[in-house]
Amino acid sequence: MKNKELIYWIDLTGPTSLDEIIRLTIIDPNNQVLFNRKFDTQQVDYWNSNINGIMPESLIKEPLFEESRKEIQKIFDKSETLITFYGSTSFLEKQGINLANKTIIDLADSFRVLGDSNDTIENLCIYYGYPLTDNVFERTGIACAKGINFCYHEMENNRKAQEN
């Protein structure tokens, strides 16, 4: 079965030049979780956990991303459109995920108000009324993906209403 749209949330270590994926969550438009996993890193051993709520030491026993690459690719292969928030596909592609011929919808592009630190998933969810916790250490990849899904559909409803 082909899912026309998939929603994904990705957490990275930073800094940008060395970014590694430390969490990836993929859901369908009905909020069914298709993939949700944390990953250990190969190069980066420290990052600012206040950004993503993931402590470096909590990943020591997690698998490396490459161990799940085929499974992740199969999931993405079943889609036409990927919806995310600040989820640059370059990090997935850098890890060997082929996203050719996919339409990528990054809600950050649609929501960008000031182009600064106020353009966050927290503020997106506040704006559209999705109850995402503001405590990053309590937040899960599933909660973020569901927030993206909710906000995307609210944005689409608003867009359609403005067209009519």
N, C-alpha and C. Protein backbone atom coordinates (compact mmCIF):
# COMPACT_ATOMS: atom_id res chain seq x y z
N MET A 1 0.84 -1.18 0.00
CA MET A 1 0.00 0.00 0.00
C MET A 1 0.88 1.24 0.00
N LYS A 2 0.54 2.19 -0.84
CA LYS A 2 1.32 3.41 -0.95
C LYS A 2 0.64 4.52 -0.14
N ASN A 3 1.40 5.14 0.77
CA ASN A 3 0.91 6.29 1.53
C ASN A 3 1.26 7.53 0.72
N LYS A 4 0.26 8.27 0.34
CA LYS A 4 0.53 9.47 -0.43
C LYS A 4 1.41 10.44 0.38
N GLU A 5 1.07 10.62 1.64
CA GLU A 5 1.80 11.55 2.51
C GLU A 5 2.33 10.81 3.73
N LEU A 6 3.53 11.18 4.12
CA LEU A 6 4.09 10.74 5.39
C LEU A 6 4.61 11.97 6.12
N ILE A 7 4.55 11.93 7.42
CA ILE A 7 5.02 13.02 8.26
C ILE A 7 6.23 12.51 9.02
N TYR A 8 7.29 13.32 9.06
CA TYR A 8 8.43 12.87 9.84
C TYR A 8 8.99 14.00 10.70
N TRP A 9 9.58 13.57 11.81
CA TRP A 9 10.28 14.45 12.74
C TRP A 9 11.68 13.90 12.90
N ILE A 10 12.66 14.78 12.85
CA ILE A 10 14.05 14.38 12.96
C ILE A 10 14.75 15.25 13.99
N ASP A 11 15.55 14.63 14.84
CA ASP A 11 16.39 15.35 15.80
C ASP A 11 17.84 15.09 15.43
N LEU A 12 18.64 16.15 15.52
CA LEU A 12 20.05 16.10 15.12
C LEU A 12 20.93 16.56 16.26
N THR A 13 22.21 16.22 16.16
CA THR A 13 23.15 16.61 17.20
C THR A 13 23.62 18.04 17.08
N GLY A 14 23.88 18.51 15.87
CA GLY A 14 24.60 19.75 15.69
C GLY A 14 26.06 19.47 16.06
N PRO A 15 26.99 20.31 15.73
CA PRO A 15 26.84 21.44 14.83
C PRO A 15 26.59 20.97 13.40
N THR A 16 26.11 21.88 12.58
CA THR A 16 25.66 21.54 11.23
C THR A 16 26.70 20.75 10.44
N SER A 17 27.96 21.11 10.54
CA SER A 17 28.98 20.43 9.75
C SER A 17 29.14 18.95 10.13
N LEU A 18 28.77 18.60 11.36
CA LEU A 18 28.90 17.22 11.83
C LEU A 18 27.57 16.57 12.18
N ASP A 19 26.47 17.26 11.94
CA ASP A 19 25.16 16.77 12.38
C ASP A 19 24.96 15.29 12.13
N GLU A 20 24.48 14.61 13.16
CA GLU A 20 24.08 13.22 13.03
C GLU A 20 22.64 13.09 13.51
N ILE A 21 21.93 12.17 12.91
CA ILE A 21 20.54 11.91 13.28
C ILE A 21 20.53 11.11 14.57
N ILE A 22 19.81 11.63 15.57
CA ILE A 22 19.72 10.91 16.84
C ILE A 22 18.29 10.44 17.14
N ARG A 23 17.33 10.92 16.36
CA ARG A 23 15.96 10.40 16.49
C ARG A 23 15.23 10.65 15.18
N LEU A 24 14.46 9.65 14.77
CA LEU A 24 13.63 9.78 13.59
C LEU A 24 12.29 9.13 13.89
N THR A 25 11.23 9.89 13.63
CA THR A 25 9.87 9.39 13.78
C THR A 25 9.13 9.62 12.48
N ILE A 26 8.44 8.59 12.01
CA ILE A 26 7.64 8.69 10.79
C ILE A 26 6.24 8.20 11.11
N ILE A 27 5.24 9.01 10.74
CA ILE A 27 3.84 8.63 10.94
C ILE A 27 3.08 8.84 9.64
N ASP A 28 1.91 8.24 9.56
CA ASP A 28 1.04 8.49 8.41
C ASP A 28 0.03 9.58 8.79
N PRO A 29 -0.80 10.04 7.85
CA PRO A 29 -1.76 11.12 8.14
C PRO A 29 -2.79 10.77 9.22
N ASN A 30 -2.93 9.48 9.55
CA ASN A 30 -3.85 9.06 10.61
C ASN A 30 -3.13 8.90 11.95
N ASN A 31 -1.91 9.40 12.04
CA ASN A 31 -1.08 9.34 13.25
C ASN A 31 -0.64 7.92 13.60
N GLN A 32 -0.70 7.01 12.65
CA GLN A 32 -0.17 5.67 12.89
C GLN A 32 1.35 5.75 12.82
N VAL A 33 2.02 5.26 13.85
CA VAL A 33 3.48 5.30 13.90
C VAL A 33 4.05 4.20 13.02
N LEU A 34 4.83 4.61 12.03
CA LEU A 34 5.46 3.67 11.11
C LEU A 34 6.91 3.39 11.50
N PHE A 35 7.54 4.36 12.16
CA PHE A 35 8.92 4.22 12.59
C PHE A 35 9.16 5.23 13.70
N ASN A 36 9.84 4.79 14.76
CA ASN A 36 10.16 5.69 15.86
C ASN A 36 11.36 5.11 16.60
N ARG A 37 12.51 5.72 16.38
CA ARG A 37 13.71 5.18 16.99
C ARG A 37 14.73 6.28 17.27
N LYS A 38 15.51 6.05 18.31
CA LYS A 38 16.68 6.88 18.61
C LYS A 38 17.92 6.14 18.15
N PHE A 39 18.97 6.90 17.88
CA PHE A 39 20.21 6.33 17.34
C PHE A 39 21.42 6.85 18.10
N ASP A 40 22.39 5.97 18.26
CA ASP A 40 23.69 6.37 18.78
C ASP A 40 24.44 7.11 17.67
N THR A 41 25.48 7.79 18.03
CA THR A 41 26.24 8.57 17.06
C THR A 41 27.60 7.93 16.80
N GLN A 42 28.19 8.31 15.68
CA GLN A 42 29.52 7.81 15.32
C GLN A 42 30.60 8.85 15.60
N GLN A 43 30.28 10.13 15.36
CA GLN A 43 31.29 11.18 15.46
C GLN A 43 31.05 12.14 16.62
N VAL A 44 29.82 12.53 16.78
CA VAL A 44 29.49 13.56 17.77
C VAL A 44 29.15 12.88 19.10
N ASP A 45 29.81 13.31 20.16
CA ASP A 45 29.53 12.70 21.45
C ASP A 45 28.94 13.68 22.47
N TYR A 46 28.72 14.93 22.03
CA TYR A 46 28.10 15.91 22.92
C TYR A 46 27.29 16.88 22.08
N TRP A 47 26.13 17.28 22.60
CA TRP A 47 25.30 18.30 21.95
C TRP A 47 24.47 18.96 23.03
N ASN A 48 23.81 20.03 22.66
CA ASN A 48 22.98 20.78 23.60
C ASN A 48 21.63 20.07 23.74
N SER A 49 21.47 19.31 24.78
CA SER A 49 20.24 18.55 25.01
C SER A 49 19.04 19.44 25.26
N ASN A 50 19.27 20.71 25.57
CA ASN A 50 18.16 21.63 25.79
C ASN A 50 17.42 21.93 24.49
N ILE A 51 17.99 21.58 23.37
CA ILE A 51 17.34 21.81 22.08
C ILE A 51 16.41 20.65 21.73
N ASN A 52 16.88 19.41 21.94
CA ASN A 52 16.08 18.26 21.51
C ASN A 52 15.64 17.34 22.66
N GLY A 53 16.10 17.60 23.86
CA GLY A 53 15.69 16.80 25.01
C GLY A 53 16.31 15.43 25.07
N ILE A 54 17.31 15.18 24.26
CA ILE A 54 17.96 13.87 24.23
C ILE A 54 19.36 14.00 24.81
N MET A 55 19.61 13.27 25.88
CA MET A 55 20.91 13.29 26.53
C MET A 55 21.86 12.35 25.79
N PRO A 56 23.09 12.80 25.50
CA PRO A 56 24.05 11.95 24.78
C PRO A 56 24.23 10.58 25.42
N GLU A 57 24.34 10.54 26.73
CA GLU A 57 24.58 9.26 27.40
C GLU A 57 23.40 8.29 27.30
N SER A 58 22.22 8.80 26.95
CA SER A 58 21.05 7.92 26.84
C SER A 58 21.05 7.11 25.54
N LEU A 59 21.97 7.42 24.64
CA LEU A 59 21.98 6.75 23.33
C LEU A 59 23.06 5.68 23.20
N ILE A 60 23.83 5.48 24.21
CA ILE A 60 24.98 4.57 24.13
C ILE A 60 24.58 3.17 23.67
N LYS A 61 23.45 2.68 24.11
CA LYS A 61 23.03 1.31 23.75
C LYS A 61 22.09 1.28 22.54
N GLU A 62 21.83 2.44 21.93
CA GLU A 62 20.96 2.50 20.77
C GLU A 62 21.75 2.10 19.52
N PRO A 63 21.05 1.61 18.49
CA PRO A 63 21.74 1.24 17.24
C PRO A 63 22.20 2.48 16.48
N LEU A 64 23.11 2.29 15.56
CA LEU A 64 23.50 3.37 14.65
C LEU A 64 22.42 3.50 13.58
N PHE A 65 22.30 4.68 13.00
CA PHE A 65 21.31 4.93 11.96
C PHE A 65 21.42 3.92 10.82
N GLU A 66 22.65 3.64 10.43
CA GLU A 66 22.86 2.75 9.28
C GLU A 66 22.24 1.37 9.47
N GLU A 67 22.03 0.95 10.70
CA GLU A 67 21.42 -0.35 10.96
C GLU A 67 19.94 -0.36 10.61
N SER A 68 19.32 0.81 10.50
CA SER A 68 17.89 0.92 10.17
C SER A 68 17.65 1.50 8.79
N ARG A 69 18.72 1.79 8.06
CA ARG A 69 18.60 2.48 6.78
C ARG A 69 17.65 1.79 5.80
N LYS A 70 17.77 0.48 5.63
CA LYS A 70 16.91 -0.23 4.67
C LYS A 70 15.45 -0.16 5.09
N GLU A 71 15.18 -0.32 6.37
CA GLU A 71 13.81 -0.24 6.88
C GLU A 71 13.23 1.16 6.64
N ILE A 72 14.02 2.18 6.93
CA ILE A 72 13.58 3.57 6.73
C ILE A 72 13.34 3.83 5.24
N GLN A 73 14.25 3.37 4.40
CA GLN A 73 14.10 3.58 2.96
C GLN A 73 12.82 2.95 2.45
N LYS A 74 12.50 1.74 2.90
CA LYS A 74 11.27 1.07 2.47
C LYS A 74 10.04 1.89 2.84
N ILE A 75 10.05 2.49 4.01
CA ILE A 75 8.91 3.31 4.44
C ILE A 75 8.79 4.54 3.55
N PHE A 76 9.90 5.25 3.34
CA PHE A 76 9.86 6.45 2.50
C PHE A 76 9.51 6.10 1.05
N ASP A 77 9.93 4.93 0.57
CA ASP A 77 9.63 4.53 -0.80
C ASP A 77 8.14 4.41 -1.06
N LYS A 78 7.37 4.20 -0.02
CA LYS A 78 5.92 4.02 -0.16
C LYS A 78 5.17 5.36 -0.15
N SER A 79 5.90 6.46 -0.21
CA SER A 79 5.24 7.77 -0.15
C SER A 79 5.54 8.61 -1.38
N GLU A 80 4.72 9.63 -1.55
CA GLU A 80 4.94 10.62 -2.60
C GLU A 80 5.36 11.96 -2.00
N THR A 81 4.80 12.27 -0.83
CA THR A 81 5.02 13.56 -0.19
C THR A 81 5.49 13.35 1.23
N LEU A 82 6.51 14.11 1.63
CA LEU A 82 7.01 14.08 3.00
C LEU A 82 6.76 15.44 3.63
N ILE A 83 6.15 15.43 4.81
CA ILE A 83 5.81 16.66 5.51
C ILE A 83 6.62 16.69 6.80
N THR A 84 7.26 17.83 7.07
CA THR A 84 8.14 17.95 8.22
C THR A 84 8.16 19.38 8.72
N PHE A 85 8.98 19.64 9.72
CA PHE A 85 9.21 20.99 10.22
C PHE A 85 10.70 21.12 10.49
N TYR A 86 11.36 21.97 9.75
CA TYR A 86 12.82 22.12 9.82
C TYR A 86 13.52 20.78 9.72
N GLY A 87 12.99 19.89 8.91
CA GLY A 87 13.55 18.56 8.77
C GLY A 87 14.30 18.41 7.47
N SER A 88 15.34 19.15 7.30
CA SER A 88 16.10 19.13 6.06
C SER A 88 16.37 17.70 5.60
N THR A 89 16.06 17.44 4.35
CA THR A 89 16.28 16.10 3.81
C THR A 89 17.77 15.81 3.59
N SER A 90 18.60 16.83 3.59
CA SER A 90 20.02 16.60 3.35
C SER A 90 20.63 15.68 4.40
N PHE A 91 20.13 15.73 5.62
CA PHE A 91 20.67 14.86 6.67
C PHE A 91 20.29 13.41 6.43
N LEU A 92 19.09 13.18 5.91
CA LEU A 92 18.68 11.82 5.57
C LEU A 92 19.48 11.32 4.36
N GLU A 93 19.62 12.19 3.37
CA GLU A 93 20.36 11.82 2.16
C GLU A 93 21.83 11.55 2.48
N LYS A 94 22.40 12.32 3.39
CA LYS A 94 23.78 12.12 3.82
C LYS A 94 23.96 10.73 4.44
N GLN A 95 22.89 10.20 5.04
CA GLN A 95 22.92 8.87 5.65
C GLN A 95 22.52 7.77 4.68
N GLY A 96 22.36 8.12 3.39
CA GLY A 96 22.09 7.12 2.37
C GLY A 96 20.62 6.91 2.04
N ILE A 97 19.74 7.77 2.53
CA ILE A 97 18.32 7.66 2.21
C ILE A 97 18.06 8.40 0.90
N ASN A 98 17.45 7.71 -0.07
CA ASN A 98 17.16 8.28 -1.37
C ASN A 98 15.75 8.88 -1.34
N LEU A 99 15.66 10.19 -1.50
CA LEU A 99 14.37 10.88 -1.49
C LEU A 99 14.07 11.52 -2.84
N ALA A 100 14.68 10.99 -3.89
CA ALA A 100 14.43 11.51 -5.24
C ALA A 100 12.96 11.34 -5.58
N ASN A 101 12.43 12.28 -6.31
CA ASN A 101 11.04 12.27 -6.77
C ASN A 101 10.01 12.40 -5.65
N LYS A 102 10.44 12.88 -4.51
CA LYS A 102 9.50 13.13 -3.40
C LYS A 102 9.21 14.62 -3.34
N THR A 103 7.96 14.94 -3.06
CA THR A 103 7.61 16.32 -2.77
C THR A 103 7.85 16.52 -1.28
N ILE A 104 8.62 17.54 -0.94
CA ILE A 104 8.93 17.82 0.46
C ILE A 104 8.19 19.09 0.87
N ILE A 105 7.39 18.98 1.90
CA ILE A 105 6.70 20.14 2.46
C ILE A 105 7.28 20.39 3.84
N ASP A 106 7.99 21.50 3.97
CA ASP A 106 8.58 21.88 5.25
C ASP A 106 7.72 23.00 5.82
N LEU A 107 6.97 22.70 6.87
CA LEU A 107 6.06 23.68 7.45
C LEU A 107 6.80 24.92 7.94
N ALA A 108 8.07 24.80 8.21
CA ALA A 108 8.83 25.98 8.64
C ALA A 108 8.82 27.04 7.55
N ASP A 109 8.84 26.61 6.29
CA ASP A 109 8.79 27.57 5.18
C ASP A 109 7.46 28.31 5.15
N SER A 110 6.37 27.61 5.43
CA SER A 110 5.04 28.23 5.43
C SER A 110 4.78 29.06 6.67
N PHE A 111 5.37 28.65 7.79
CA PHE A 111 5.11 29.29 9.07
C PHE A 111 6.08 30.42 9.36
N ARG A 112 7.19 30.47 8.64
CA ARG A 112 8.24 31.44 8.93
C ARG A 112 7.64 32.84 9.01
N VAL A 113 7.77 33.42 10.20
CA VAL A 113 7.23 34.75 10.44
C VAL A 113 8.37 35.75 10.47
N LEU A 114 9.30 35.53 11.37
CA LEU A 114 10.40 36.47 11.55
C LEU A 114 11.72 35.92 11.02
N GLY A 115 11.74 34.62 10.72
CA GLY A 115 12.99 34.03 10.28
C GLY A 115 14.03 33.98 11.38
N ASP A 116 13.56 33.86 12.61
CA ASP A 116 14.50 33.83 13.72
C ASP A 116 14.12 32.72 14.70
N SER A 117 14.61 32.81 15.90
CA SER A 117 14.40 31.75 16.89
C SER A 117 12.95 31.62 17.34
N ASN A 118 12.08 32.53 16.94
CA ASN A 118 10.66 32.42 17.28
C ASN A 118 9.92 31.44 16.37
N ASP A 119 10.53 31.07 15.25
CA ASP A 119 9.90 30.13 14.32
C ASP A 119 10.23 28.71 14.75
N THR A 120 9.56 28.25 15.79
CA THR A 120 9.82 26.95 16.38
C THR A 120 8.59 26.06 16.27
N ILE A 121 8.80 24.78 16.47
CA ILE A 121 7.66 23.86 16.47
C ILE A 121 6.72 24.20 17.62
N GLU A 122 7.28 24.69 18.73
CA GLU A 122 6.43 25.08 19.85
C GLU A 122 5.47 26.19 19.45
N ASN A 123 5.99 27.21 18.79
CA ASN A 123 5.15 28.33 18.38
C ASN A 123 4.19 27.95 17.26
N LEU A 124 4.62 27.07 16.38
CA LEU A 124 3.71 26.56 15.35
C LEU A 124 2.52 25.87 16.01
N CYS A 125 2.80 25.00 16.97
CA CYS A 125 1.72 24.27 17.65
C CYS A 125 0.84 25.19 18.49
N ILE A 126 1.42 26.18 19.12
CA ILE A 126 0.62 27.15 19.86
C ILE A 126 -0.32 27.88 18.91
N TYR A 127 0.23 28.32 17.79
CA TYR A 127 -0.57 29.08 16.81
C TYR A 127 -1.77 28.28 16.31
N TYR A 128 -1.55 26.99 16.01
CA TYR A 128 -2.64 26.18 15.46
C TYR A 128 -3.41 25.39 16.51
N GLY A 129 -3.03 25.52 17.78
CA GLY A 129 -3.81 24.92 18.86
C GLY A 129 -3.52 23.46 19.14
N TYR A 130 -2.31 23.01 18.82
CA TYR A 130 -1.94 21.63 19.15
C TYR A 130 -1.22 21.62 20.49
N PRO A 131 -1.61 20.74 21.42
CA PRO A 131 -1.05 20.75 22.78
C PRO A 131 0.31 20.05 22.90
N LEU A 132 1.34 20.64 22.32
CA LEU A 132 2.70 20.10 22.44
C LEU A 132 3.32 20.65 23.72
N THR A 133 3.87 19.77 24.54
CA THR A 133 4.48 20.24 25.78
C THR A 133 5.64 21.17 25.47
N ASP A 134 5.82 22.16 26.32
CA ASP A 134 6.96 23.06 26.12
C ASP A 134 8.21 22.55 26.83
N ASN A 135 8.10 21.42 27.53
CA ASN A 135 9.26 20.81 28.18
C ASN A 135 9.91 19.85 27.19
N VAL A 136 11.03 20.26 26.64
CA VAL A 136 11.69 19.50 25.59
C VAL A 136 12.13 18.11 26.09
N PHE A 137 12.37 17.96 27.38
CA PHE A 137 12.79 16.67 27.92
C PHE A 137 11.62 15.69 28.07
N GLU A 138 10.40 16.20 28.02
CA GLU A 138 9.22 15.34 28.07
C GLU A 138 8.65 15.07 26.67
N ARG A 139 9.16 15.79 25.70
CA ARG A 139 8.63 15.71 24.34
C ARG A 139 9.19 14.50 23.61
N THR A 140 8.33 13.83 22.89
CA THR A 140 8.76 12.67 22.11
C THR A 140 8.75 13.01 20.62
N GLY A 141 9.40 12.17 19.85
CA GLY A 141 9.34 12.32 18.40
C GLY A 141 7.93 12.12 17.89
N ILE A 142 7.19 11.22 18.54
CA ILE A 142 5.80 10.99 18.15
C ILE A 142 4.96 12.23 18.37
N ALA A 143 5.14 12.88 19.52
CA ALA A 143 4.38 14.11 19.80
C ALA A 143 4.70 15.19 18.78
N CYS A 144 5.96 15.33 18.41
CA CYS A 144 6.35 16.33 17.41
C CYS A 144 5.76 16.01 16.05
N ALA A 145 5.83 14.74 15.65
CA ALA A 145 5.28 14.33 14.34
C ALA A 145 3.76 14.56 14.31
N LYS A 146 3.09 14.21 15.41
CA LYS A 146 1.64 14.43 15.46
C LYS A 146 1.32 15.93 15.43
N GLY A 147 2.15 16.73 16.06
CA GLY A 147 1.97 18.18 16.00
C GLY A 147 2.12 18.71 14.58
N ILE A 148 3.11 18.21 13.86
CA ILE A 148 3.30 18.60 12.46
C ILE A 148 2.09 18.20 11.64
N ASN A 149 1.62 16.99 11.83
CA ASN A 149 0.45 16.49 11.10
C ASN A 149 -0.77 17.37 11.36
N PHE A 150 -1.03 17.66 12.62
CA PHE A 150 -2.17 18.49 13.00
C PHE A 150 -2.05 19.88 12.36
N CYS A 151 -0.91 20.51 12.52
CA CYS A 151 -0.72 21.87 12.01
C CYS A 151 -0.78 21.91 10.48
N TYR A 152 -0.24 20.89 9.83
CA TYR A 152 -0.31 20.84 8.37
C TYR A 152 -1.76 20.83 7.90
N HIS A 153 -2.58 20.00 8.53
CA HIS A 153 -3.98 19.93 8.11
C HIS A 153 -4.74 21.21 8.45
N GLU A 154 -4.40 21.86 9.54
CA GLU A 154 -5.00 23.17 9.85
C GLU A 154 -4.58 24.21 8.81
N MET A 155 -3.31 24.20 8.43
CA MET A 155 -2.83 25.12 7.40
C MET A 155 -3.57 24.89 6.08
N GLU A 156 -3.73 23.63 5.72
CA GLU A 156 -4.43 23.29 4.47
C GLU A 156 -5.89 23.72 4.53
N ASN A 157 -6.55 23.50 5.66
CA ASN A 157 -7.94 23.95 5.81
C ASN A 157 -8.04 25.46 5.68
N ASN A 158 -7.10 26.18 6.28
CA ASN A 158 -7.10 27.65 6.18
C ASN A 158 -6.85 28.09 4.75
N ARG A 159 -5.91 27.42 4.06
CA ARG A 159 -5.61 27.76 2.68
C ARG A 159 -6.83 27.57 1.79
N LYS A 160 -7.52 26.44 1.97
CA LYS A 160 -8.70 26.15 1.18
C LYS A 160 -9.82 27.15 1.47
N ALA A 161 -9.97 27.53 2.72
CA ALA A 161 -11.00 28.51 3.08
C ALA A 161 -10.71 29.86 2.43
N GLN A 162 -9.45 30.24 2.35
CA GLN A 162 -9.08 31.51 1.73
C GLN A 162 -9.28 31.49 0.22
N GLU A 163 -9.15 30.31 -0.38
CA GLU A 163 -9.36 30.19 -1.82
C GLU A 163 -10.83 30.34 -2.20
N ASN A 164 -11.71 29.98 -1.29
CA ASN A 164 -13.15 30.01 -1.59
C ASN A 164 -13.76 31.35 -1.34
